[in-house]
Amino acid sequence: MPAADPEERREQLTAAPKADPGDAAPRVEVTEADEEVTRIDVADSAAVRPGKPGPRRGE
């Protein structure tokens, strides 16, 4: 699957009324070693990361 055009992606992710330019920041890093191996990592700069959530506010 070809990667989305970066400009179209940014435009789509910032089109909402309360959108912030940071909403279009890359969240994953993709590395292709060869045709059969693709590694996908969460970017260090991602605001939200997968895993066990911390305590909720007010708890």
N, C-alpha and C. Protein backbone atom coordinates (compact mmCIF):
# COMPACT_ATOMS: atom_id res chain seq x y z
N MET A 1 0.85 -1.17 0.00
CA MET A 1 0.00 0.00 0.00
C MET A 1 0.90 1.24 0.00
N PRO A 2 0.71 2.15 -0.93
CA PRO A 2 1.55 3.34 -0.97
C PRO A 2 1.23 4.27 0.19
N ALA A 3 2.24 4.99 0.65
CA ALA A 3 2.04 5.94 1.74
C ALA A 3 1.16 7.09 1.26
N ALA A 4 0.39 7.64 2.17
CA ALA A 4 -0.48 8.77 1.84
C ALA A 4 0.38 10.00 1.56
N ASP A 5 -0.12 10.85 0.70
CA ASP A 5 0.57 12.10 0.41
C ASP A 5 0.63 12.91 1.71
N PRO A 6 1.81 13.34 2.14
CA PRO A 6 1.95 14.06 3.41
C PRO A 6 1.09 15.31 3.50
N GLU A 7 0.96 16.03 2.40
CA GLU A 7 0.15 17.26 2.41
C GLU A 7 -1.34 16.92 2.57
N GLU A 8 -1.81 15.88 1.87
CA GLU A 8 -3.21 15.46 2.01
C GLU A 8 -3.48 14.99 3.43
N ARG A 9 -2.54 14.25 4.01
CA ARG A 9 -2.69 13.75 5.37
C ARG A 9 -2.79 14.91 6.36
N ARG A 10 -1.89 15.89 6.23
CA ARG A 10 -1.91 17.05 7.12
C ARG A 10 -3.22 17.81 6.99
N GLU A 11 -3.65 18.02 5.76
CA GLU A 11 -4.89 18.74 5.51
C GLU A 11 -6.09 18.03 6.14
N GLN A 12 -6.12 16.71 5.99
CA GLN A 12 -7.23 15.92 6.53
C GLN A 12 -7.24 15.95 8.06
N LEU A 13 -6.06 15.84 8.68
CA LEU A 13 -5.98 15.78 10.14
C LEU A 13 -6.15 17.13 10.82
N THR A 14 -6.04 18.22 10.08
CA THR A 14 -6.21 19.55 10.67
C THR A 14 -7.49 20.24 10.21
N ALA A 15 -8.38 19.50 9.54
CA ALA A 15 -9.61 20.09 9.00
C ALA A 15 -10.70 20.30 10.06
N ALA A 16 -10.65 19.57 11.15
CA ALA A 16 -11.69 19.68 12.18
C ALA A 16 -11.62 21.06 12.85
N PRO A 17 -12.76 21.57 13.33
CA PRO A 17 -12.79 22.91 13.93
C PRO A 17 -11.79 23.10 15.08
N LYS A 18 -11.60 22.11 15.93
CA LYS A 18 -10.70 22.26 17.08
C LYS A 18 -9.34 21.60 16.84
N ALA A 19 -9.02 21.31 15.59
CA ALA A 19 -7.76 20.64 15.28
C ALA A 19 -6.58 21.56 15.55
N ASP A 20 -5.48 20.94 15.86
CA ASP A 20 -4.24 21.63 16.16
C ASP A 20 -3.20 21.13 15.15
N PRO A 21 -2.26 21.95 14.71
CA PRO A 21 -1.24 21.46 13.77
C PRO A 21 -0.50 20.23 14.30
N GLY A 22 -0.39 20.09 15.61
CA GLY A 22 0.26 18.92 16.19
C GLY A 22 -0.49 17.63 15.92
N ASP A 23 -1.77 17.74 15.58
CA ASP A 23 -2.56 16.54 15.28
C ASP A 23 -2.02 15.80 14.06
N ALA A 24 -1.31 16.52 13.20
CA ALA A 24 -0.79 15.92 11.98
C ALA A 24 0.64 15.40 12.16
N ALA A 25 1.18 15.50 13.36
CA ALA A 25 2.55 15.02 13.59
C ALA A 25 2.62 13.51 13.42
N PRO A 26 3.71 13.01 12.85
CA PRO A 26 3.85 11.56 12.68
C PRO A 26 3.82 10.84 14.03
N ARG A 27 3.13 9.71 14.08
CA ARG A 27 3.02 8.95 15.32
C ARG A 27 3.77 7.62 15.26
N VAL A 28 4.15 7.21 14.06
CA VAL A 28 4.88 5.95 13.90
C VAL A 28 6.08 6.15 12.99
N GLU A 29 7.05 5.26 13.14
CA GLU A 29 8.21 5.25 12.26
C GLU A 29 8.23 3.90 11.58
N VAL A 30 8.30 3.88 10.25
CA VAL A 30 8.27 2.64 9.48
C VAL A 30 9.63 2.43 8.84
N THR A 31 10.18 1.23 9.07
CA THR A 31 11.46 0.86 8.48
C THR A 31 11.25 -0.42 7.67
N GLU A 32 11.64 -0.39 6.40
CA GLU A 32 11.50 -1.56 5.54
C GLU A 32 12.89 -2.13 5.27
N ALA A 33 13.17 -3.32 5.83
CA ALA A 33 14.46 -3.96 5.63
C ALA A 33 14.55 -4.59 4.25
N ASP A 34 13.48 -5.22 3.80
CA ASP A 34 13.38 -5.77 2.46
C ASP A 34 11.89 -5.89 2.13
N GLU A 35 11.56 -6.57 1.06
CA GLU A 35 10.16 -6.66 0.64
C GLU A 35 9.28 -7.40 1.64
N GLU A 36 9.86 -8.27 2.45
CA GLU A 36 9.06 -9.09 3.35
C GLU A 36 9.12 -8.65 4.81
N VAL A 37 9.99 -7.70 5.14
CA VAL A 37 10.15 -7.29 6.53
C VAL A 37 9.90 -5.80 6.66
N THR A 38 8.88 -5.46 7.45
CA THR A 38 8.57 -4.06 7.73
C THR A 38 8.45 -3.91 9.24
N ARG A 39 9.18 -2.97 9.80
CA ARG A 39 9.12 -2.71 11.25
C ARG A 39 8.39 -1.40 11.46
N ILE A 40 7.42 -1.41 12.38
CA ILE A 40 6.65 -0.22 12.71
C ILE A 40 6.83 0.05 14.20
N ASP A 41 7.36 1.22 14.53
CA ASP A 41 7.58 1.62 15.92
C ASP A 41 6.80 2.90 16.20
N VAL A 42 6.36 3.04 17.44
CA VAL A 42 5.73 4.29 17.86
C VAL A 42 6.83 5.33 17.94
N ALA A 43 6.61 6.48 17.35
CA ALA A 43 7.61 7.54 17.34
C ALA A 43 7.85 8.05 18.75
N ASP A 44 9.10 8.38 19.07
CA ASP A 44 9.43 8.95 20.38
C ASP A 44 8.67 10.25 20.62
N SER A 45 8.35 10.96 19.56
CA SER A 45 7.66 12.24 19.68
C SER A 45 6.14 12.11 19.78
N ALA A 46 5.60 10.90 19.71
CA ALA A 46 4.14 10.70 19.77
C ALA A 46 3.60 11.15 21.12
N ALA A 47 2.55 11.93 21.10
CA ALA A 47 1.96 12.45 22.33
C ALA A 47 1.30 11.33 23.15
N VAL A 48 0.74 10.37 22.47
CA VAL A 48 0.06 9.26 23.13
C VAL A 48 0.75 7.97 22.72
N ARG A 49 1.06 7.13 23.71
CA ARG A 49 1.77 5.89 23.44
C ARG A 49 0.93 4.71 23.91
N PRO A 50 1.04 3.57 23.24
CA PRO A 50 0.28 2.40 23.67
C PRO A 50 0.83 1.86 24.98
N GLY A 51 0.01 1.13 25.67
CA GLY A 51 0.45 0.53 26.93
C GLY A 51 -0.56 0.78 28.02
N LYS A 52 -0.21 0.37 29.21
CA LYS A 52 -1.10 0.53 30.35
C LYS A 52 -1.24 2.02 30.69
N PRO A 53 -2.48 2.49 30.72
CA PRO A 53 -2.68 3.92 31.04
C PRO A 53 -2.36 4.19 32.51
N GLY A 54 -1.96 5.39 32.78
CA GLY A 54 -1.69 5.80 34.15
C GLY A 54 -2.99 6.10 34.87
N PRO A 55 -2.90 6.57 36.10
CA PRO A 55 -4.12 6.89 36.85
C PRO A 55 -4.89 8.05 36.20
N ARG A 56 -6.19 8.01 36.34
CA ARG A 56 -7.01 9.09 35.79
C ARG A 56 -6.85 10.32 36.65
N ARG A 57 -7.13 11.46 36.07
CA ARG A 57 -7.07 12.71 36.83
C ARG A 57 -8.08 12.65 37.96
N GLY A 58 -7.70 13.14 39.10
CA GLY A 58 -8.60 13.18 40.24
C GLY A 58 -8.62 11.90 41.04
N GLU A 59 -7.86 10.88 40.64
CA GLU A 59 -7.84 9.62 41.39
C GLU A 59 -6.70 9.61 42.35
